């Protein structure tokens, strides 16, 4: 599914009364949000409330080759780009077939258009962190995987802070850390004043005697 020319991650939610778009994805909408006549308060599944003051009208959602416009309220959310609620489903007479993961438009017995959702090849098994810790304590093996996008080149000089300011010093390619080598350097000692222990003891006794005399006078 696309919004304009950008692919969008959508949730069809019959439990939502209004359709919303995330603030991050709203930056890619080629229209200006219109202020509402009165603020709208939307309750989230987490139990909190969000105040909505603007709306994006007639956002072109493309399902295959069919355009189904949506009025979207911008709000903060991180998992989905767009949530299509009952307002959009009712407007386009859309029925959700959960078993086959399809959206039927029009009469569900003889739909005018059917949108097929993504069918995953294999279901992803997810376990909780507590269960994973328990399995590890019983001797199971755990693996940590790191994924790197090899299609992007991040080894260029301009991608490194500080280094990018010195193109005349560093080469275009950074093969790695320089090898170990001997470096000659010298340490110049700075002369300091030395106090002998006897002088320190005499000075300390002098201040102590002065302090005792002062206490006797005040007492």
N, C-alpha and C. Protein backbone atom coordinates (compact mmCIF):
# COMPACT_ATOMS: atom_id res chain seq x y z
N UNK A 1 0.85 -1.19 0.00
CA UNK A 1 0.00 0.00 0.00
C UNK A 1 0.88 1.24 0.00
N UNK A 2 0.46 2.24 -0.73
CA UNK A 2 1.25 3.47 -0.87
C UNK A 2 0.39 4.67 -0.52
N UNK A 3 1.04 5.65 0.08
CA UNK A 3 0.43 6.96 0.28
C UNK A 3 1.22 7.93 -0.58
N UNK A 4 0.61 8.36 -1.67
CA UNK A 4 1.36 9.10 -2.67
C UNK A 4 2.29 8.15 -3.39
N UNK A 5 3.59 8.42 -3.31
CA UNK A 5 4.59 7.56 -3.92
C UNK A 5 5.42 6.82 -2.89
N UNK A 6 5.03 6.87 -1.65
CA UNK A 6 5.81 6.25 -0.57
C UNK A 6 5.04 5.08 0.03
N UNK A 7 5.77 3.96 0.20
CA UNK A 7 5.15 2.78 0.79
C UNK A 7 4.81 3.04 2.25
N UNK A 8 3.68 2.54 2.69
CA UNK A 8 3.19 2.85 4.03
C UNK A 8 2.82 1.55 4.75
N UNK A 9 3.13 1.51 6.04
CA UNK A 9 2.82 0.36 6.89
C UNK A 9 1.50 0.66 7.60
N UNK A 10 0.45 -0.10 7.26
CA UNK A 10 -0.92 0.24 7.66
C UNK A 10 -1.50 -0.84 8.56
N UNK A 11 -2.29 -0.40 9.54
CA UNK A 11 -3.10 -1.29 10.37
C UNK A 11 -4.56 -0.97 10.12
N UNK A 12 -5.35 -1.98 9.73
CA UNK A 12 -6.80 -1.83 9.60
C UNK A 12 -7.40 -2.20 10.95
N UNK A 13 -8.01 -1.23 11.61
CA UNK A 13 -8.44 -1.41 12.99
C UNK A 13 -9.92 -1.07 13.13
N UNK A 14 -10.75 -2.10 13.36
CA UNK A 14 -12.18 -1.87 13.56
C UNK A 14 -12.46 -1.30 14.94
N UNK A 15 -11.47 -1.31 15.83
CA UNK A 15 -11.65 -0.74 17.15
C UNK A 15 -11.33 0.74 17.22
N UNK A 16 -10.86 1.31 16.13
CA UNK A 16 -10.54 2.74 16.08
C UNK A 16 -11.66 3.48 15.36
N UNK A 17 -12.13 4.55 15.97
CA UNK A 17 -13.20 5.33 15.35
C UNK A 17 -12.68 6.26 14.26
N UNK A 18 -11.42 6.71 14.39
CA UNK A 18 -10.83 7.64 13.43
C UNK A 18 -9.54 7.06 12.85
N UNK A 19 -9.16 7.57 11.71
CA UNK A 19 -7.92 7.16 11.06
C UNK A 19 -6.83 8.17 11.39
N UNK A 20 -5.64 7.66 11.68
CA UNK A 20 -4.55 8.52 12.13
C UNK A 20 -3.29 8.20 11.34
N UNK A 21 -2.36 9.14 11.36
CA UNK A 21 -1.06 8.99 10.72
C UNK A 21 0.00 9.43 11.72
N UNK A 22 1.14 8.76 11.71
CA UNK A 22 2.21 9.12 12.63
C UNK A 22 2.83 10.45 12.25
N UNK A 23 3.35 11.16 13.24
CA UNK A 23 3.98 12.46 12.98
C UNK A 23 5.18 12.30 12.04
N UNK A 24 5.92 11.21 12.19
CA UNK A 24 7.10 11.01 11.35
C UNK A 24 6.70 10.83 9.89
N UNK A 25 5.69 9.99 9.64
CA UNK A 25 5.29 9.76 8.26
C UNK A 25 4.54 10.95 7.68
N UNK A 26 3.90 11.75 8.54
CA UNK A 26 3.14 12.91 8.05
C UNK A 26 4.03 13.92 7.33
N UNK A 27 5.34 13.87 7.60
CA UNK A 27 6.25 14.79 6.91
C UNK A 27 6.30 14.53 5.41
N UNK A 28 5.93 13.31 5.00
CA UNK A 28 6.00 12.95 3.58
C UNK A 28 4.68 13.19 2.85
N UNK A 29 3.68 13.69 3.55
CA UNK A 29 2.40 13.97 2.90
C UNK A 29 2.50 15.31 2.17
N UNK A 30 2.14 15.30 0.90
CA UNK A 30 2.28 16.51 0.07
C UNK A 30 1.05 17.41 0.19
N UNK A 31 0.67 17.70 1.41
CA UNK A 31 -0.43 18.64 1.65
C UNK A 31 -0.24 19.25 3.03
N UNK A 32 -0.93 20.33 3.25
CA UNK A 32 -0.81 21.05 4.52
C UNK A 32 -1.95 20.66 5.45
N UNK A 33 -1.65 20.34 6.70
CA UNK A 33 -2.73 20.00 7.63
C UNK A 33 -3.64 21.20 7.89
N UNK A 34 -4.91 20.92 8.02
CA UNK A 34 -5.92 21.96 8.24
C UNK A 34 -6.31 21.97 9.71
N UNK A 35 -6.33 23.14 10.36
CA UNK A 35 -6.73 23.18 11.77
C UNK A 35 -8.21 22.84 11.94
N UNK A 36 -8.52 22.11 12.99
CA UNK A 36 -9.89 21.73 13.29
C UNK A 36 -10.64 22.90 13.94
N UNK A 37 -11.95 22.91 13.76
CA UNK A 37 -12.77 23.94 14.42
C UNK A 37 -12.72 23.80 15.93
N UNK A 38 -12.66 22.57 16.39
CA UNK A 38 -12.52 22.29 17.83
C UNK A 38 -11.60 21.10 18.00
N UNK A 39 -10.84 21.09 19.07
CA UNK A 39 -9.87 20.03 19.31
C UNK A 39 -10.59 18.69 19.51
N UNK A 40 -9.91 17.63 19.07
CA UNK A 40 -10.43 16.28 19.18
C UNK A 40 -9.58 15.50 20.17
N UNK A 41 -10.21 14.81 21.10
CA UNK A 41 -9.51 14.00 22.10
C UNK A 41 -9.68 12.54 21.73
N UNK A 42 -8.55 11.85 21.51
CA UNK A 42 -8.56 10.43 21.14
C UNK A 42 -7.94 9.63 22.27
N UNK A 43 -8.63 8.58 22.68
CA UNK A 43 -8.12 7.68 23.71
C UNK A 43 -7.31 6.57 23.05
N UNK A 44 -6.12 6.31 23.56
CA UNK A 44 -5.23 5.29 23.02
C UNK A 44 -5.44 3.97 23.76
N UNK A 45 -5.01 2.84 23.17
CA UNK A 45 -5.14 1.55 23.86
C UNK A 45 -4.40 1.51 25.19
N UNK A 46 -3.38 2.35 25.35
CA UNK A 46 -2.63 2.37 26.60
C UNK A 46 -3.34 3.07 27.73
N UNK A 47 -4.50 3.66 27.45
CA UNK A 47 -5.26 4.33 28.49
C UNK A 47 -5.05 5.83 28.56
N UNK A 48 -4.13 6.37 27.77
CA UNK A 48 -3.89 7.81 27.77
C UNK A 48 -4.76 8.49 26.71
N UNK A 49 -4.79 9.81 26.76
CA UNK A 49 -5.58 10.59 25.81
C UNK A 49 -4.67 11.54 25.04
N UNK A 50 -4.97 11.71 23.76
CA UNK A 50 -4.18 12.58 22.88
C UNK A 50 -5.11 13.65 22.31
N UNK A 51 -4.65 14.89 22.36
CA UNK A 51 -5.43 16.01 21.82
C UNK A 51 -4.99 16.26 20.38
N UNK A 52 -5.93 16.21 19.45
CA UNK A 52 -5.67 16.43 18.03
C UNK A 52 -6.23 17.79 17.63
N UNK A 53 -5.41 18.57 16.94
CA UNK A 53 -5.84 19.92 16.54
C UNK A 53 -5.83 20.12 15.02
N UNK A 54 -5.27 19.16 14.25
CA UNK A 54 -5.19 19.32 12.79
C UNK A 54 -5.61 18.02 12.11
N UNK A 55 -5.85 18.11 10.81
CA UNK A 55 -6.24 16.95 10.02
C UNK A 55 -5.70 17.11 8.60
N UNK A 56 -5.31 15.98 8.00
CA UNK A 56 -4.92 15.94 6.59
C UNK A 56 -6.12 15.39 5.80
N UNK A 57 -6.67 16.21 4.90
CA UNK A 57 -7.84 15.80 4.13
C UNK A 57 -7.41 15.13 2.82
N UNK A 58 -8.20 14.13 2.43
CA UNK A 58 -8.10 13.49 1.11
C UNK A 58 -6.68 13.02 0.80
N UNK A 59 -6.10 12.27 1.70
CA UNK A 59 -4.78 11.69 1.45
C UNK A 59 -4.94 10.48 0.52
N UNK A 60 -4.23 10.45 -0.62
CA UNK A 60 -4.44 9.38 -1.60
C UNK A 60 -3.74 8.07 -1.20
N UNK A 61 -4.51 7.12 -0.70
CA UNK A 61 -3.98 5.79 -0.40
C UNK A 61 -4.19 4.90 -1.62
N UNK A 62 -3.10 4.30 -2.08
CA UNK A 62 -3.19 3.46 -3.28
C UNK A 62 -3.05 1.99 -2.90
N UNK A 63 -4.12 1.25 -3.14
CA UNK A 63 -4.13 -0.19 -2.92
C UNK A 63 -4.09 -0.86 -4.28
N UNK A 64 -2.94 -1.41 -4.63
CA UNK A 64 -2.71 -1.91 -5.98
C UNK A 64 -2.92 -0.75 -6.96
N UNK A 65 -3.97 -0.77 -7.77
CA UNK A 65 -4.21 0.31 -8.72
C UNK A 65 -5.45 1.13 -8.37
N UNK A 66 -5.95 0.98 -7.16
CA UNK A 66 -7.16 1.68 -6.74
C UNK A 66 -6.79 2.73 -5.70
N UNK A 67 -7.31 3.93 -5.86
CA UNK A 67 -7.06 5.02 -4.92
C UNK A 67 -8.25 5.14 -3.97
N UNK A 68 -7.97 5.06 -2.68
CA UNK A 68 -8.99 5.23 -1.64
C UNK A 68 -8.51 6.33 -0.70
N UNK A 69 -9.08 7.51 -0.85
CA UNK A 69 -8.64 8.65 -0.05
C UNK A 69 -8.98 8.44 1.43
N UNK A 70 -8.16 9.09 2.27
CA UNK A 70 -8.36 8.97 3.72
C UNK A 70 -8.13 10.33 4.36
N UNK A 71 -8.95 10.64 5.36
CA UNK A 71 -8.74 11.82 6.20
C UNK A 71 -7.98 11.37 7.45
N UNK A 72 -6.79 11.88 7.63
CA UNK A 72 -5.89 11.36 8.66
C UNK A 72 -5.59 12.43 9.71
N UNK A 73 -5.70 12.01 10.97
CA UNK A 73 -5.33 12.88 12.09
C UNK A 73 -3.89 12.56 12.50
N UNK A 74 -3.00 13.54 12.55
CA UNK A 74 -1.62 13.26 12.96
C UNK A 74 -1.51 13.07 14.46
N UNK A 75 -0.78 12.04 14.87
CA UNK A 75 -0.54 11.80 16.28
C UNK A 75 0.76 11.01 16.44
N UNK A 76 1.28 10.98 17.65
CA UNK A 76 2.54 10.31 17.94
C UNK A 76 2.31 8.81 18.10
N UNK A 77 2.96 8.01 17.26
CA UNK A 77 2.95 6.55 17.38
C UNK A 77 4.16 6.02 16.64
N UNK A 78 4.62 4.85 17.07
CA UNK A 78 5.88 4.36 16.53
C UNK A 78 5.79 3.08 15.73
N UNK A 79 4.75 2.27 15.94
CA UNK A 79 4.72 0.95 15.31
C UNK A 79 4.19 1.00 13.89
N UNK A 80 3.19 1.81 13.63
CA UNK A 80 2.57 1.88 12.31
C UNK A 80 2.69 3.29 11.75
N UNK A 81 2.66 3.36 10.40
CA UNK A 81 2.64 4.67 9.74
C UNK A 81 1.23 5.24 9.73
N UNK A 82 0.26 4.38 9.44
CA UNK A 82 -1.14 4.80 9.34
C UNK A 82 -2.02 3.74 9.99
N UNK A 83 -3.03 4.17 10.72
CA UNK A 83 -4.07 3.29 11.24
C UNK A 83 -5.39 3.73 10.62
N UNK A 84 -6.01 2.81 9.87
CA UNK A 84 -7.28 3.10 9.22
C UNK A 84 -8.41 2.56 10.09
N UNK A 85 -9.24 3.47 10.60
CA UNK A 85 -10.30 3.10 11.51
C UNK A 85 -11.65 2.95 10.83
N UNK A 86 -12.70 2.96 11.65
CA UNK A 86 -14.04 2.73 11.14
C UNK A 86 -14.51 3.83 10.21
N UNK A 87 -14.02 5.06 10.37
CA UNK A 87 -14.44 6.13 9.47
C UNK A 87 -14.04 5.81 8.03
N UNK A 88 -12.82 5.31 7.84
CA UNK A 88 -12.35 4.95 6.50
C UNK A 88 -13.01 3.67 6.01
N UNK A 89 -13.14 2.67 6.88
CA UNK A 89 -13.75 1.40 6.48
C UNK A 89 -15.20 1.60 6.06
N UNK A 90 -15.94 2.43 6.80
CA UNK A 90 -17.34 2.68 6.46
C UNK A 90 -17.47 3.50 5.18
N UNK A 91 -16.59 4.47 5.00
CA UNK A 91 -16.65 5.33 3.81
C UNK A 91 -16.48 4.51 2.54
N UNK A 92 -15.59 3.52 2.57
CA UNK A 92 -15.30 2.72 1.37
C UNK A 92 -15.97 1.35 1.41
N UNK A 93 -16.90 1.15 2.35
CA UNK A 93 -17.62 -0.12 2.48
C UNK A 93 -16.63 -1.29 2.49
N UNK A 94 -15.65 -1.18 3.34
CA UNK A 94 -14.59 -2.19 3.41
C UNK A 94 -14.89 -3.18 4.54
N UNK A 95 -14.73 -4.46 4.24
CA UNK A 95 -14.92 -5.53 5.21
C UNK A 95 -13.62 -6.30 5.36
N UNK A 96 -13.21 -6.52 6.60
CA UNK A 96 -11.96 -7.22 6.87
C UNK A 96 -12.23 -8.71 6.99
N UNK A 97 -11.55 -9.49 6.15
CA UNK A 97 -11.60 -10.95 6.23
C UNK A 97 -10.33 -11.40 6.95
N UNK A 98 -10.44 -11.59 8.26
CA UNK A 98 -9.25 -11.89 9.07
C UNK A 98 -8.63 -13.23 8.69
N UNK A 99 -9.47 -14.22 8.33
CA UNK A 99 -8.94 -15.56 8.04
C UNK A 99 -8.02 -15.55 6.82
N UNK A 100 -8.45 -14.89 5.76
CA UNK A 100 -7.66 -14.86 4.53
C UNK A 100 -6.80 -13.61 4.42
N UNK A 101 -6.87 -12.74 5.44
CA UNK A 101 -6.08 -11.50 5.45
C UNK A 101 -6.37 -10.67 4.20
N UNK A 102 -7.65 -10.42 3.97
CA UNK A 102 -8.07 -9.64 2.82
C UNK A 102 -9.01 -8.52 3.27
N UNK A 103 -9.08 -7.47 2.43
CA UNK A 103 -10.04 -6.39 2.61
C UNK A 103 -10.99 -6.42 1.41
N UNK A 104 -12.28 -6.59 1.69
CA UNK A 104 -13.29 -6.67 0.64
C UNK A 104 -14.00 -5.32 0.56
N UNK A 105 -14.04 -4.75 -0.63
CA UNK A 105 -14.67 -3.44 -0.85
C UNK A 105 -16.00 -3.64 -1.57
N UNK A 106 -17.05 -3.02 -1.02
CA UNK A 106 -18.38 -3.19 -1.57
C UNK A 106 -19.10 -4.33 -0.87
N UNK A 107 -20.01 -4.97 -1.58
CA UNK A 107 -20.75 -6.10 -1.03
C UNK A 107 -19.78 -7.26 -0.83
N UNK A 108 -19.69 -7.78 0.40
CA UNK A 108 -18.70 -8.82 0.66
C UNK A 108 -19.04 -10.12 -0.08
N UNK A 109 -20.32 -10.29 -0.51
CA UNK A 109 -20.67 -11.48 -1.30
C UNK A 109 -20.19 -11.35 -2.73
N UNK A 110 -20.16 -10.14 -3.23
CA UNK A 110 -19.68 -9.89 -4.59
C UNK A 110 -18.91 -8.58 -4.59
N UNK A 111 -17.71 -8.59 -4.01
CA UNK A 111 -16.95 -7.34 -3.83
C UNK A 111 -16.51 -6.75 -5.17
N UNK A 112 -16.48 -5.41 -5.20
CA UNK A 112 -15.96 -4.74 -6.39
C UNK A 112 -14.44 -4.83 -6.48
N UNK A 113 -13.81 -4.91 -5.31
CA UNK A 113 -12.35 -4.91 -5.29
C UNK A 113 -11.91 -5.64 -4.03
N UNK A 114 -10.85 -6.42 -4.14
CA UNK A 114 -10.30 -7.18 -3.02
C UNK A 114 -8.82 -6.83 -2.88
N UNK A 115 -8.44 -6.41 -1.69
CA UNK A 115 -7.03 -6.12 -1.42
C UNK A 115 -6.47 -7.23 -0.55
N UNK A 116 -5.43 -7.88 -1.04
CA UNK A 116 -4.80 -8.98 -0.33
C UNK A 116 -3.62 -8.47 0.48
N UNK A 117 -3.64 -8.74 1.78
CA UNK A 117 -2.52 -8.35 2.62
C UNK A 117 -1.31 -9.23 2.40
N UNK A 118 -0.24 -8.90 3.06
CA UNK A 118 1.01 -9.65 2.93
C UNK A 118 0.87 -10.99 3.62
N UNK A 119 1.21 -12.04 2.92
CA UNK A 119 1.19 -13.38 3.49
C UNK A 119 2.61 -13.79 3.85
N UNK A 120 2.95 -13.83 5.13
CA UNK A 120 4.31 -14.24 5.50
C UNK A 120 4.55 -15.70 5.16
N UNK A 121 5.77 -16.00 4.73
CA UNK A 121 6.10 -17.38 4.37
C UNK A 121 6.08 -18.28 5.60
N UNK A 122 6.68 -17.83 6.68
CA UNK A 122 6.71 -18.59 7.91
C UNK A 122 6.43 -17.65 9.07
N UNK A 123 5.70 -18.14 10.03
CA UNK A 123 5.42 -17.33 11.20
C UNK A 123 6.68 -17.16 12.04
N UNK A 124 6.85 -15.98 12.60
CA UNK A 124 8.01 -15.69 13.43
C UNK A 124 7.67 -16.03 14.88
N UNK A 125 8.47 -16.89 15.47
CA UNK A 125 8.25 -17.29 16.85
C UNK A 125 8.94 -16.29 17.78
N UNK A 126 8.16 -15.70 18.66
CA UNK A 126 8.66 -14.69 19.59
C UNK A 126 8.46 -15.21 21.01
N UNK A 127 9.50 -15.10 21.82
CA UNK A 127 9.40 -15.48 23.23
C UNK A 127 9.79 -14.29 24.08
N UNK A 128 9.37 -14.33 25.33
CA UNK A 128 9.68 -13.23 26.24
C UNK A 128 11.12 -13.31 26.71
N UNK A 129 11.62 -12.18 27.22
CA UNK A 129 13.00 -12.14 27.73
C UNK A 129 13.17 -13.06 28.93
N UNK A 130 12.12 -13.18 29.78
CA UNK A 130 12.21 -14.05 30.95
C UNK A 130 12.31 -15.51 30.53
N UNK A 131 11.55 -15.90 29.49
CA UNK A 131 11.63 -17.28 29.02
C UNK A 131 12.98 -17.55 28.38
N UNK A 132 13.51 -16.56 27.65
CA UNK A 132 14.83 -16.74 27.05
C UNK A 132 15.90 -16.90 28.12
N UNK A 133 15.81 -16.12 29.19
CA UNK A 133 16.77 -16.24 30.29
C UNK A 133 16.66 -17.60 30.96
N UNK A 134 15.45 -18.12 31.09
CA UNK A 134 15.25 -19.44 31.70
C UNK A 134 15.85 -20.53 30.82
N UNK A 135 15.66 -20.42 29.51
CA UNK A 135 16.23 -21.40 28.60
C UNK A 135 17.75 -21.38 28.62
N UNK A 136 18.33 -20.18 28.70
CA UNK A 136 19.78 -20.07 28.77
C UNK A 136 20.32 -20.67 30.05
N UNK A 137 19.59 -20.49 31.15
CA UNK A 137 20.04 -21.06 32.43
C UNK A 137 19.98 -22.58 32.43
N UNK A 138 19.16 -23.16 31.54
CA UNK A 138 19.06 -24.61 31.43
C UNK A 138 20.04 -25.19 30.42
N UNK A 139 20.93 -24.35 29.91
CA UNK A 139 21.96 -24.85 29.01
C UNK A 139 21.69 -24.64 27.54
N UNK A 140 20.60 -23.97 27.19
CA UNK A 140 20.32 -23.72 25.77
C UNK A 140 21.29 -22.67 25.23
N UNK A 141 21.53 -22.73 23.92
CA UNK A 141 22.44 -21.81 23.28
C UNK A 141 21.69 -20.54 22.86
N UNK A 142 22.36 -19.42 23.01
CA UNK A 142 21.81 -18.15 22.55
C UNK A 142 22.76 -17.48 21.57
N UNK A 143 22.21 -16.86 20.57
CA UNK A 143 23.01 -16.22 19.53
C UNK A 143 22.57 -14.76 19.38
N UNK A 144 23.52 -13.89 19.18
CA UNK A 144 23.26 -12.47 18.93
C UNK A 144 23.65 -12.18 17.48
N UNK A 145 22.72 -11.67 16.70
CA UNK A 145 22.96 -11.39 15.29
C UNK A 145 22.96 -9.89 15.06
N UNK A 146 23.92 -9.43 14.28
CA UNK A 146 24.01 -8.02 13.89
C UNK A 146 23.83 -7.92 12.38
N UNK A 147 22.94 -7.05 11.95
CA UNK A 147 22.63 -6.90 10.53
C UNK A 147 23.19 -5.57 10.04
N UNK A 148 23.93 -5.62 8.95
CA UNK A 148 24.52 -4.42 8.36
C UNK A 148 24.05 -4.28 6.92
N UNK A 149 23.64 -3.09 6.57
CA UNK A 149 23.21 -2.81 5.21
C UNK A 149 24.44 -2.57 4.34
N UNK A 150 24.78 -3.53 3.51
CA UNK A 150 25.97 -3.44 2.67
C UNK A 150 25.74 -2.56 1.44
N UNK A 151 24.50 -2.17 1.19
CA UNK A 151 24.24 -1.34 0.02
C UNK A 151 24.64 0.12 0.24
N UNK A 152 24.83 0.53 1.49
CA UNK A 152 25.24 1.89 1.80
C UNK A 152 26.70 1.90 2.21
N UNK A 153 27.43 2.88 1.74
CA UNK A 153 28.85 3.02 2.05
C UNK A 153 29.01 4.03 3.17
N UNK A 154 29.39 3.55 4.36
CA UNK A 154 29.57 4.42 5.52
C UNK A 154 31.03 4.64 5.86
N UNK A 155 31.94 4.15 5.00
CA UNK A 155 33.36 4.26 5.31
C UNK A 155 34.00 5.50 4.69
N UNK A 156 33.22 6.41 4.16
CA UNK A 156 33.77 7.61 3.56
C UNK A 156 34.14 8.62 4.64
N UNK A 157 35.07 9.49 4.30
CA UNK A 157 35.60 10.44 5.28
C UNK A 157 34.51 11.36 5.79
N UNK A 158 33.60 11.79 4.92
CA UNK A 158 32.59 12.74 5.34
C UNK A 158 31.61 12.16 6.35
N UNK A 159 31.63 10.85 6.56
CA UNK A 159 30.74 10.21 7.53
C UNK A 159 31.33 10.16 8.92
N UNK A 160 32.57 10.61 9.11
CA UNK A 160 33.21 10.57 10.41
C UNK A 160 33.38 11.99 10.94
N UNK A 161 32.85 12.28 12.13
CA UNK A 161 33.02 13.62 12.70
C UNK A 161 34.49 13.91 12.98
N UNK A 162 34.86 15.16 12.98
CA UNK A 162 36.22 15.65 13.21
C UNK A 162 37.11 15.30 12.02
N UNK A 163 37.12 14.01 11.63
CA UNK A 163 37.98 13.59 10.51
C UNK A 163 37.56 14.29 9.23
N UNK A 164 36.25 14.52 9.05
CA UNK A 164 35.78 15.14 7.82
C UNK A 164 36.26 16.57 7.66
N UNK A 165 36.76 17.19 8.73
CA UNK A 165 37.26 18.56 8.66
C UNK A 165 38.70 18.64 8.20
N UNK A 166 39.33 17.48 7.99
CA UNK A 166 40.76 17.46 7.63
C UNK A 166 40.96 16.55 6.43
N UNK A 167 40.40 16.95 5.29
CA UNK A 167 40.55 16.16 4.07
C UNK A 167 42.00 16.14 3.58
N UNK A 168 42.75 17.19 3.92
CA UNK A 168 44.13 17.26 3.45
C UNK A 168 45.07 16.38 4.26
N UNK A 169 44.60 15.86 5.39
CA UNK A 169 45.45 15.03 6.25
C UNK A 169 45.15 13.55 6.05
N UNK A 170 43.86 13.20 5.98
CA UNK A 170 43.47 11.80 5.88
C UNK A 170 43.23 11.43 4.43
N UNK A 171 43.58 10.22 4.02
CA UNK A 171 43.30 9.77 2.65
C UNK A 171 41.82 9.50 2.46
N UNK A 172 41.42 9.28 1.20
CA UNK A 172 40.01 9.02 0.92
C UNK A 172 39.55 7.69 1.50
N UNK A 173 40.44 6.69 1.55
CA UNK A 173 40.09 5.40 2.11
C UNK A 173 40.78 5.23 3.44
N UNK A 174 40.04 4.77 4.43
CA UNK A 174 40.58 4.52 5.76
C UNK A 174 40.67 3.01 5.96
N UNK A 175 41.83 2.40 5.71
CA UNK A 175 41.94 0.93 5.82
C UNK A 175 41.79 0.43 7.23
N UNK A 176 42.10 1.26 8.22
CA UNK A 176 41.99 0.81 9.61
C UNK A 176 42.86 1.64 10.52
N UNK A 177 43.13 1.11 11.71
CA UNK A 177 43.96 1.80 12.69
C UNK A 177 45.43 1.72 12.25
N UNK A 178 46.20 2.80 12.36
CA UNK A 178 47.62 2.74 11.98
C UNK A 178 48.36 1.67 12.77
N UNK A 179 49.39 1.05 12.16
CA UNK A 179 50.14 0.00 12.87
C UNK A 179 50.98 0.60 14.00
N UNK A 180 51.38 -0.27 14.94
CA UNK A 180 52.22 0.16 16.06
C UNK A 180 53.60 0.57 15.55
N UNK A 181 54.13 1.65 16.07
CA UNK A 181 55.45 2.13 15.68
C UNK A 181 56.07 2.90 16.83
N UNK A 182 57.41 3.00 16.78
CA UNK A 182 58.13 3.69 17.84
C UNK A 182 58.04 5.20 17.64
N UNK A 183 57.82 5.89 18.73
CA UNK A 183 57.72 7.34 18.71
C UNK A 183 58.71 7.90 19.73
N UNK A 184 59.60 8.80 19.27
CA UNK A 184 60.58 9.41 20.16
C UNK A 184 59.97 10.64 20.83
N UNK A 185 60.12 10.71 22.13
CA UNK A 185 59.64 11.87 22.86
C UNK A 185 60.52 12.05 24.09
N UNK A 186 60.53 13.25 24.60
CA UNK A 186 61.34 13.58 25.77
C UNK A 186 60.48 14.25 26.82
N UNK A 187 60.85 14.07 28.09
CA UNK A 187 60.15 14.67 29.21
C UNK A 187 61.10 15.66 29.88
N UNK A 188 60.73 16.91 29.90
CA UNK A 188 61.54 17.94 30.55
C UNK A 188 61.05 18.13 31.98
N UNK A 189 61.87 17.79 32.97
CA UNK A 189 61.45 17.99 34.36
C UNK A 189 61.40 19.46 34.73
N UNK A 190 60.45 19.83 35.54
CA UNK A 190 60.28 21.21 36.00
C UNK A 190 60.76 21.28 37.44
N UNK A 191 61.72 22.19 37.75
CA UNK A 191 62.23 22.28 39.13
C UNK A 191 61.13 22.73 40.09
N UNK A 192 61.12 22.13 41.28
CA UNK A 192 60.13 22.45 42.31
C UNK A 192 60.85 22.81 43.59
N UNK A 193 60.17 23.48 44.49
CA UNK A 193 60.73 23.84 45.78
C UNK A 193 60.65 22.65 46.72
N UNK A 194 61.76 22.38 47.40
CA UNK A 194 61.82 21.27 48.32
C UNK A 194 61.86 21.79 49.75
N UNK A 195 61.09 21.20 50.61
CA UNK A 195 61.08 21.55 52.02
C UNK A 195 61.61 20.37 52.82
N UNK A 196 62.55 20.68 53.69
CA UNK A 196 63.10 19.62 54.54
C UNK A 196 62.13 19.32 55.67
N UNK A 197 62.15 18.10 56.16
CA UNK A 197 61.22 17.73 57.25
C UNK A 197 61.39 18.58 58.49
N UNK A 198 62.63 18.97 58.81
CA UNK A 198 62.85 19.79 60.01
C UNK A 198 62.18 21.14 59.88
N UNK A 199 62.26 21.72 58.66
CA UNK A 199 61.62 23.02 58.45
C UNK A 199 60.10 22.91 58.55
N UNK A 200 59.57 21.81 58.05
CA UNK A 200 58.13 21.62 58.14
C UNK A 200 57.68 21.47 59.59
N UNK A 201 58.47 20.72 60.37
CA UNK A 201 58.09 20.53 61.76
C UNK A 201 58.18 21.84 62.54
N UNK A 202 59.23 22.64 62.24
CA UNK A 202 59.39 23.92 62.94
C UNK A 202 58.24 24.86 62.62
N UNK A 203 57.88 24.92 61.35
CA UNK A 203 56.78 25.80 60.96
C UNK A 203 55.47 25.35 61.59
N UNK A 204 55.28 24.04 61.63
CA UNK A 204 54.05 23.53 62.23
C UNK A 204 53.99 23.83 63.71
N UNK A 205 55.13 23.69 64.41
CA UNK A 205 55.16 23.99 65.84
C UNK A 205 54.94 25.47 66.10
N UNK A 206 55.46 26.32 65.22
CA UNK A 206 55.29 27.76 65.38
C UNK A 206 53.80 28.14 65.31
N UNK A 207 53.11 27.63 64.27
CA UNK A 207 51.68 27.95 64.13
C UNK A 207 50.88 27.36 65.28
N UNK A 208 51.30 26.20 65.78
CA UNK A 208 50.59 25.59 66.90
C UNK A 208 50.75 26.43 68.17
N UNK A 209 51.99 26.94 68.38
CA UNK A 209 52.24 27.77 69.57
C UNK A 209 51.45 29.06 69.49
N UNK A 210 51.39 29.67 68.30
CA UNK A 210 50.63 30.90 68.13
C UNK A 210 49.15 30.65 68.40
N UNK A 211 48.67 29.51 67.93
CA UNK A 211 47.27 29.18 68.15
C UNK A 211 46.95 28.98 69.61
N UNK A 212 47.86 28.34 70.36
CA UNK A 212 47.62 28.12 71.79
C UNK A 212 47.63 29.43 72.55
N UNK A 213 48.57 30.33 72.17
CA UNK A 213 48.61 31.62 72.85
C UNK A 213 47.32 32.41 72.61
N UNK A 214 46.81 32.34 71.41
CA UNK A 214 45.58 33.06 71.12
C UNK A 214 44.41 32.52 71.92
N UNK A 215 44.36 31.20 72.09
CA UNK A 215 43.27 30.60 72.86
C UNK A 215 43.36 30.98 74.33
N UNK A 216 44.60 31.08 74.86
CA UNK A 216 44.76 31.46 76.27
C UNK A 216 44.30 32.89 76.51
N UNK A 217 44.55 33.77 75.53
CA UNK A 217 44.17 35.17 75.70
C UNK A 217 42.65 35.31 75.68
N UNK A 218 42.01 34.58 74.76
CA UNK A 218 40.55 34.69 74.66
C UNK A 218 39.86 33.98 75.81
N UNK A 219 40.51 32.90 76.36
CA UNK A 219 39.90 32.17 77.47
C UNK A 219 40.05 32.93 78.76
